N, C-alpha and C. Protein backbone atom coordinates (compact mmCIF):
# COMPACT_ATOMS: atom_id res chain seq x y z
N MET A 1 106.49 50.58 78.66
CA MET A 1 107.42 51.63 78.30
C MET A 1 106.90 52.96 78.84
N GLU A 2 107.77 53.70 79.49
CA GLU A 2 107.40 55.00 80.04
C GLU A 2 107.46 56.06 78.96
N THR A 3 106.47 56.94 78.94
CA THR A 3 106.37 57.94 77.89
C THR A 3 106.50 59.34 78.46
N GLN A 4 107.48 60.09 77.96
CA GLN A 4 107.62 61.48 78.36
C GLN A 4 106.57 62.31 77.63
N LEU A 5 105.97 63.24 78.36
CA LEU A 5 104.91 64.07 77.82
C LEU A 5 105.39 65.51 77.63
N LEU A 6 104.49 66.39 77.31
CA LEU A 6 104.77 67.81 77.06
C LEU A 6 105.75 67.97 75.89
N ARG A 7 105.39 67.42 74.76
CA ARG A 7 106.24 67.42 73.57
C ARG A 7 105.93 68.53 72.58
N ASN A 8 104.77 69.18 72.70
CA ASN A 8 104.37 70.21 71.74
C ASN A 8 104.95 71.55 72.17
N HIS A 9 105.86 72.10 71.36
CA HIS A 9 106.53 73.35 71.73
C HIS A 9 105.57 74.54 71.77
N GLU A 10 104.41 74.41 71.17
CA GLU A 10 103.44 75.51 71.14
C GLU A 10 102.53 75.55 72.37
N ILE A 11 102.55 74.50 73.18
CA ILE A 11 101.67 74.44 74.36
C ILE A 11 102.52 74.56 75.62
N PHE A 12 102.52 75.76 76.21
CA PHE A 12 103.26 76.01 77.45
C PHE A 12 102.64 75.19 78.59
N PRO A 13 103.46 74.59 79.46
CA PRO A 13 102.93 73.78 80.56
C PRO A 13 102.36 74.64 81.70
N SER A 14 101.23 75.27 81.42
CA SER A 14 100.53 76.08 82.41
C SER A 14 99.95 75.17 83.50
N LYS A 15 99.40 75.78 84.52
CA LYS A 15 98.76 75.01 85.59
C LYS A 15 97.67 74.10 85.02
N GLU A 16 96.87 74.63 84.10
CA GLU A 16 95.78 73.86 83.51
C GLU A 16 96.31 72.69 82.68
N VAL A 17 97.35 72.93 81.90
CA VAL A 17 97.94 71.87 81.07
C VAL A 17 98.54 70.78 81.96
N LEU A 18 99.25 71.18 83.00
CA LEU A 18 99.86 70.21 83.91
C LEU A 18 98.79 69.40 84.64
N LYS A 19 97.73 70.07 85.06
CA LYS A 19 96.64 69.38 85.76
C LYS A 19 96.00 68.33 84.84
N HIS A 20 95.75 68.71 83.60
CA HIS A 20 95.16 67.78 82.63
C HIS A 20 96.12 66.62 82.31
N THR A 21 97.40 66.93 82.17
CA THR A 21 98.39 65.92 81.79
C THR A 21 98.69 64.94 82.91
N LEU A 22 98.82 65.43 84.14
CA LEU A 22 99.22 64.59 85.26
C LEU A 22 98.04 63.96 86.01
N GLY A 23 96.85 64.49 85.84
CA GLY A 23 95.70 63.94 86.57
C GLY A 23 95.90 64.07 88.07
N ASN A 24 95.69 62.98 88.82
CA ASN A 24 95.80 62.99 90.28
C ASN A 24 97.19 63.33 90.78
N VAL A 25 98.21 63.06 89.98
CA VAL A 25 99.59 63.33 90.39
C VAL A 25 99.86 64.84 90.42
N TYR A 26 99.01 65.62 89.75
CA TYR A 26 99.20 67.07 89.75
C TYR A 26 99.19 67.64 91.17
N ASP A 27 98.34 67.11 92.05
CA ASP A 27 98.28 67.59 93.43
C ASP A 27 99.64 67.44 94.12
N VAL A 28 100.36 66.38 93.81
CA VAL A 28 101.68 66.14 94.39
C VAL A 28 102.66 67.18 93.85
N LEU A 29 102.64 67.42 92.54
CA LEU A 29 103.51 68.43 91.94
C LEU A 29 103.22 69.81 92.54
N GLU A 30 101.96 70.14 92.69
CA GLU A 30 101.58 71.43 93.26
C GLU A 30 102.12 71.57 94.68
N GLU A 31 102.04 70.50 95.48
CA GLU A 31 102.57 70.54 96.85
C GLU A 31 104.08 70.73 96.84
N VAL A 32 104.77 70.00 95.96
CA VAL A 32 106.23 70.14 95.85
C VAL A 32 106.59 71.58 95.50
N GLU A 33 105.93 72.13 94.50
CA GLU A 33 106.25 73.50 94.08
C GLU A 33 105.93 74.51 95.18
N THR A 34 104.83 74.32 95.88
CA THR A 34 104.47 75.23 96.98
C THR A 34 105.53 75.21 98.07
N ILE A 35 105.96 74.04 98.47
CA ILE A 35 106.97 73.91 99.52
C ILE A 35 108.30 74.52 99.07
N LEU A 36 108.73 74.19 97.86
CA LEU A 36 110.06 74.60 97.41
C LEU A 36 110.18 76.06 97.02
N THR A 37 109.07 76.74 96.78
CA THR A 37 109.16 78.16 96.43
C THR A 37 109.04 79.06 97.67
N GLN A 38 108.73 78.48 98.82
CA GLN A 38 108.66 79.28 100.05
C GLN A 38 110.07 79.62 100.54
N ASP A 39 110.16 80.53 101.50
CA ASP A 39 111.43 81.08 101.97
C ASP A 39 112.47 80.05 102.38
N GLU A 40 112.04 78.95 103.01
CA GLU A 40 113.00 77.95 103.50
C GLU A 40 113.88 77.41 102.37
N PHE A 41 113.30 77.15 101.21
CA PHE A 41 114.05 76.63 100.07
C PHE A 41 114.32 77.72 99.02
N ALA A 42 113.36 78.59 98.78
CA ALA A 42 113.47 79.73 97.85
C ALA A 42 113.93 79.31 96.45
N LEU A 43 113.30 78.26 95.91
CA LEU A 43 113.66 77.81 94.57
C LEU A 43 112.77 78.48 93.53
N ILE A 44 113.30 78.59 92.33
CA ILE A 44 112.58 79.19 91.21
C ILE A 44 112.37 78.12 90.14
N PHE A 45 111.11 77.95 89.71
CA PHE A 45 110.74 76.99 88.68
C PHE A 45 110.66 77.73 87.35
N ASP A 46 111.38 77.27 86.34
CA ASP A 46 111.46 77.97 85.06
C ASP A 46 111.31 76.97 83.91
N TRP A 47 110.13 76.98 83.26
CA TRP A 47 109.83 76.05 82.17
C TRP A 47 110.37 76.58 80.84
N HIS A 48 111.02 75.68 80.07
CA HIS A 48 111.50 76.00 78.72
C HIS A 48 111.32 74.78 77.83
N TYR A 49 111.12 75.05 76.56
CA TYR A 49 111.08 73.97 75.58
C TYR A 49 112.51 73.78 75.07
N TYR A 50 112.99 72.53 75.11
CA TYR A 50 114.35 72.22 74.67
C TYR A 50 114.28 71.40 73.38
N ASN A 51 114.85 71.96 72.32
CA ASN A 51 114.82 71.30 71.01
C ASN A 51 115.61 70.01 70.98
N ASP A 52 116.69 69.91 71.77
CA ASP A 52 117.50 68.69 71.73
C ASP A 52 116.72 67.47 72.22
N GLY A 53 115.86 67.65 73.22
CA GLY A 53 115.04 66.55 73.72
C GLY A 53 113.61 66.60 73.23
N LYS A 54 113.28 67.66 72.48
CA LYS A 54 111.93 67.85 71.92
C LYS A 54 110.85 67.76 73.00
N SER A 55 111.08 68.46 74.13
CA SER A 55 110.08 68.47 75.20
C SER A 55 110.29 69.67 76.12
N TRP A 56 109.25 69.94 76.91
CA TRP A 56 109.31 70.97 77.93
C TRP A 56 109.97 70.38 79.18
N LEU A 57 110.93 71.13 79.75
CA LEU A 57 111.57 70.76 81.00
C LEU A 57 111.53 71.97 81.92
N CYS A 58 111.50 71.72 83.20
CA CYS A 58 111.52 72.79 84.18
C CYS A 58 112.87 72.77 84.89
N LYS A 59 113.61 73.85 84.72
CA LYS A 59 114.90 74.01 85.41
C LYS A 59 114.59 74.68 86.74
N VAL A 60 114.97 74.04 87.84
CA VAL A 60 114.66 74.55 89.16
C VAL A 60 115.97 74.99 89.83
N CYS A 61 116.03 76.28 90.18
CA CYS A 61 117.29 76.87 90.65
C CYS A 61 117.14 77.53 92.02
N HIS A 62 118.28 77.62 92.69
CA HIS A 62 118.42 78.44 93.89
C HIS A 62 119.50 79.46 93.57
N LYS A 63 119.10 80.71 93.48
CA LYS A 63 119.98 81.77 92.99
C LYS A 63 120.44 81.37 91.60
N LYS A 64 121.75 81.19 91.38
CA LYS A 64 122.23 80.82 90.04
C LYS A 64 122.51 79.33 89.90
N LYS A 65 122.34 78.58 90.98
CA LYS A 65 122.66 77.15 90.99
C LYS A 65 121.45 76.31 90.56
N THR A 66 121.64 75.45 89.56
CA THR A 66 120.59 74.52 89.17
C THR A 66 120.52 73.41 90.23
N VAL A 67 119.35 73.26 90.83
CA VAL A 67 119.17 72.25 91.87
C VAL A 67 118.70 70.95 91.23
N PHE A 68 117.69 71.03 90.34
CA PHE A 68 117.24 69.83 89.64
C PHE A 68 116.47 70.21 88.39
N TRP A 69 116.20 69.19 87.57
CA TRP A 69 115.38 69.32 86.36
C TRP A 69 114.13 68.50 86.56
N LEU A 70 112.99 69.04 86.11
CA LEU A 70 111.71 68.36 86.26
C LEU A 70 111.13 68.09 84.88
N SER A 71 110.65 66.87 84.67
CA SER A 71 109.99 66.52 83.42
C SER A 71 108.70 65.76 83.76
N VAL A 72 107.76 65.78 82.82
CA VAL A 72 106.46 65.16 83.04
C VAL A 72 106.34 63.91 82.18
N TRP A 73 105.91 62.82 82.81
CA TRP A 73 105.77 61.51 82.17
C TRP A 73 104.36 61.00 82.40
N GLU A 74 104.00 59.96 81.70
CA GLU A 74 102.69 59.37 81.86
C GLU A 74 102.59 58.72 83.23
N GLY A 75 101.78 59.32 84.13
CA GLY A 75 101.56 58.75 85.46
C GLY A 75 102.49 59.25 86.55
N PHE A 76 103.46 60.10 86.23
CA PHE A 76 104.38 60.61 87.24
C PHE A 76 105.13 61.82 86.70
N PHE A 77 105.82 62.52 87.60
CA PHE A 77 106.79 63.51 87.15
C PHE A 77 108.15 63.09 87.67
N GLN A 78 109.15 63.42 86.91
CA GLN A 78 110.50 62.97 87.22
C GLN A 78 111.35 64.17 87.60
N ILE A 79 112.14 63.98 88.65
CA ILE A 79 113.07 65.01 89.10
C ILE A 79 114.46 64.43 89.02
N GLY A 80 115.32 65.12 88.28
CA GLY A 80 116.69 64.66 88.08
C GLY A 80 117.70 65.63 88.68
N PHE A 81 118.51 65.12 89.59
CA PHE A 81 119.62 65.86 90.17
C PHE A 81 120.90 65.38 89.49
N PHE A 82 121.90 66.22 89.43
CA PHE A 82 123.20 65.81 88.90
C PHE A 82 124.26 66.11 89.95
N PHE A 83 125.01 65.07 90.31
CA PHE A 83 126.04 65.17 91.33
C PHE A 83 127.37 64.69 90.78
N LEU A 84 128.44 65.03 91.50
CA LEU A 84 129.76 64.50 91.19
C LEU A 84 130.01 63.29 92.07
N GLU A 85 130.98 62.48 91.70
CA GLU A 85 131.28 61.26 92.44
C GLU A 85 131.56 61.54 93.92
N ARG A 86 132.20 62.66 94.20
CA ARG A 86 132.55 62.98 95.60
C ARG A 86 131.31 63.18 96.49
N HIS A 87 130.13 63.37 95.88
CA HIS A 87 128.91 63.57 96.66
C HIS A 87 128.21 62.26 97.03
N LEU A 88 128.61 61.15 96.43
CA LEU A 88 127.87 59.89 96.61
C LEU A 88 127.87 59.39 98.06
N ASP A 89 128.97 59.57 98.79
CA ASP A 89 128.99 59.15 100.19
C ASP A 89 128.00 59.96 101.02
N GLY A 90 127.92 61.26 100.74
CA GLY A 90 126.96 62.11 101.44
C GLY A 90 125.52 61.72 101.13
N ILE A 91 125.27 61.36 99.88
CA ILE A 91 123.92 60.93 99.48
C ILE A 91 123.58 59.61 100.18
N ALA A 92 124.54 58.71 100.23
CA ALA A 92 124.31 57.41 100.88
C ALA A 92 124.02 57.57 102.37
N ALA A 93 124.54 58.64 102.98
CA ALA A 93 124.32 58.87 104.41
C ALA A 93 122.99 59.56 104.71
N LEU A 94 122.30 60.05 103.69
CA LEU A 94 121.02 60.73 103.92
C LEU A 94 119.98 59.74 104.43
N PRO A 95 119.12 60.18 105.35
CA PRO A 95 118.06 59.29 105.86
C PRO A 95 116.90 59.20 104.86
N ILE A 96 117.17 58.54 103.73
CA ILE A 96 116.20 58.39 102.64
C ILE A 96 116.01 56.91 102.36
N GLU A 97 114.78 56.52 102.06
CA GLU A 97 114.50 55.14 101.69
C GLU A 97 115.34 54.73 100.48
N ASP A 98 115.88 53.53 100.50
CA ASP A 98 116.73 53.05 99.41
C ASP A 98 116.03 53.05 98.06
N ASN A 99 114.73 52.81 98.05
CA ASN A 99 114.01 52.71 96.79
C ASN A 99 113.39 54.05 96.35
N SER A 100 113.75 55.15 96.99
CA SER A 100 113.19 56.46 96.64
C SER A 100 113.70 57.00 95.31
N PHE A 101 114.91 56.60 94.94
CA PHE A 101 115.52 57.14 93.74
C PHE A 101 116.39 56.08 93.06
N THR A 102 116.76 56.37 91.84
CA THR A 102 117.69 55.51 91.12
C THR A 102 118.91 56.34 90.74
N ILE A 103 120.02 55.66 90.60
CA ILE A 103 121.25 56.31 90.16
C ILE A 103 121.45 55.93 88.70
N GLY A 104 121.52 56.93 87.86
CA GLY A 104 121.67 56.68 86.43
C GLY A 104 123.11 56.51 86.01
N LYS A 105 123.28 56.24 84.73
CA LYS A 105 124.60 56.09 84.14
C LYS A 105 125.27 57.46 84.05
N SER A 106 126.55 57.52 84.40
CA SER A 106 127.28 58.78 84.39
C SER A 106 127.20 59.47 83.03
N ILE A 107 127.09 60.79 83.09
CA ILE A 107 127.13 61.63 81.90
C ILE A 107 128.33 62.54 82.08
N GLY A 108 129.44 62.16 81.47
CA GLY A 108 130.70 62.86 81.74
C GLY A 108 131.06 62.64 83.20
N LYS A 109 131.28 63.74 83.93
CA LYS A 109 131.60 63.63 85.36
C LYS A 109 130.35 63.67 86.24
N SER A 110 129.19 63.91 85.64
CA SER A 110 127.95 64.02 86.40
C SER A 110 127.26 62.68 86.55
N ILE A 111 126.71 62.47 87.74
CA ILE A 111 125.97 61.24 88.04
C ILE A 111 124.52 61.64 88.32
N PRO A 112 123.59 61.17 87.49
CA PRO A 112 122.18 61.53 87.71
C PRO A 112 121.53 60.72 88.83
N ILE A 113 120.79 61.42 89.66
CA ILE A 113 119.97 60.81 90.71
C ILE A 113 118.53 61.14 90.33
N ILE A 114 117.72 60.11 90.10
CA ILE A 114 116.38 60.30 89.55
C ILE A 114 115.29 59.89 90.54
N PHE A 115 114.35 60.80 90.78
CA PHE A 115 113.15 60.52 91.57
C PHE A 115 111.97 60.47 90.60
N ARG A 116 111.17 59.43 90.67
CA ARG A 116 109.92 59.35 89.91
C ARG A 116 108.79 59.52 90.92
N ILE A 117 108.18 60.69 90.91
CA ILE A 117 107.22 61.06 91.95
C ILE A 117 105.80 60.77 91.49
N ARG A 118 105.11 59.95 92.30
CA ARG A 118 103.72 59.58 92.02
C ARG A 118 102.78 59.90 93.18
N LYS A 119 103.33 60.02 94.41
CA LYS A 119 102.47 60.18 95.57
C LYS A 119 103.11 61.09 96.63
N HIS A 120 102.26 61.62 97.49
CA HIS A 120 102.67 62.58 98.52
C HIS A 120 103.74 62.02 99.45
N GLU A 121 103.70 60.73 99.70
CA GLU A 121 104.64 60.11 100.64
C GLU A 121 106.10 60.22 100.18
N GLN A 122 106.33 60.51 98.92
CA GLN A 122 107.69 60.61 98.40
C GLN A 122 108.31 62.00 98.62
N ILE A 123 107.51 62.96 99.01
CA ILE A 123 107.99 64.34 99.10
C ILE A 123 109.06 64.51 100.18
N GLU A 124 108.89 63.86 101.32
CA GLU A 124 109.85 64.03 102.41
C GLU A 124 111.27 63.65 101.97
N ASP A 125 111.42 62.52 101.29
CA ASP A 125 112.75 62.10 100.82
C ASP A 125 113.28 63.08 99.76
N LEU A 126 112.41 63.55 98.91
CA LEU A 126 112.80 64.52 97.89
C LEU A 126 113.35 65.79 98.53
N LEU A 127 112.69 66.27 99.57
CA LEU A 127 113.14 67.50 100.24
C LEU A 127 114.52 67.33 100.86
N LYS A 128 114.82 66.14 101.37
CA LYS A 128 116.15 65.88 101.93
C LYS A 128 117.22 65.98 100.84
N MET A 129 116.91 65.47 99.65
CA MET A 129 117.87 65.54 98.54
C MET A 129 118.03 66.98 98.06
N VAL A 130 116.95 67.73 98.03
CA VAL A 130 117.02 69.14 97.63
C VAL A 130 117.93 69.90 98.59
N GLU A 131 117.75 69.70 99.87
CA GLU A 131 118.58 70.37 100.87
C GLU A 131 120.05 70.00 100.70
N PHE A 132 120.31 68.71 100.47
CA PHE A 132 121.68 68.25 100.25
C PHE A 132 122.28 68.93 99.00
N LYS A 133 121.53 68.98 97.93
CA LYS A 133 122.01 69.59 96.68
C LYS A 133 122.30 71.07 96.86
N LYS A 134 121.45 71.77 97.58
CA LYS A 134 121.68 73.20 97.81
C LYS A 134 123.00 73.44 98.53
N LYS A 135 123.38 72.54 99.43
CA LYS A 135 124.61 72.70 100.22
C LYS A 135 125.85 72.13 99.53
N ALA A 136 125.66 71.23 98.56
CA ALA A 136 126.79 70.56 97.91
C ALA A 136 127.64 71.55 97.12
N LYS A 137 128.93 71.35 97.19
CA LYS A 137 129.88 72.21 96.45
C LYS A 137 130.75 71.36 95.58
């Protein structure tokens, strides 16, 4: 069973907390954040504690648009994108490995696309999805 971490509302997910919680996977998260906050992507990472899920989540935005949500789990971090059905053909056409992500059960009109990131080799496919999401309307 996979366990979501960062459940204590009093402990902000600082660099030190994330490093301790993720272990070796922290280097991958740090690389993702470094790439995505640079000018090419210009994303903003914003951590908040959400009472409905009783955990810390990072809302990652480009200007006012939410690009994805990031959560920390035992042994990996998870990135969740939300798309509409009309975007699925575009996602299917992306040059991404079939096993890079899973498609979750629809939540209203939104369809979640989930990446479970454990290693550096997954970053390239993640960046393609980020670029697609930034352009999606």
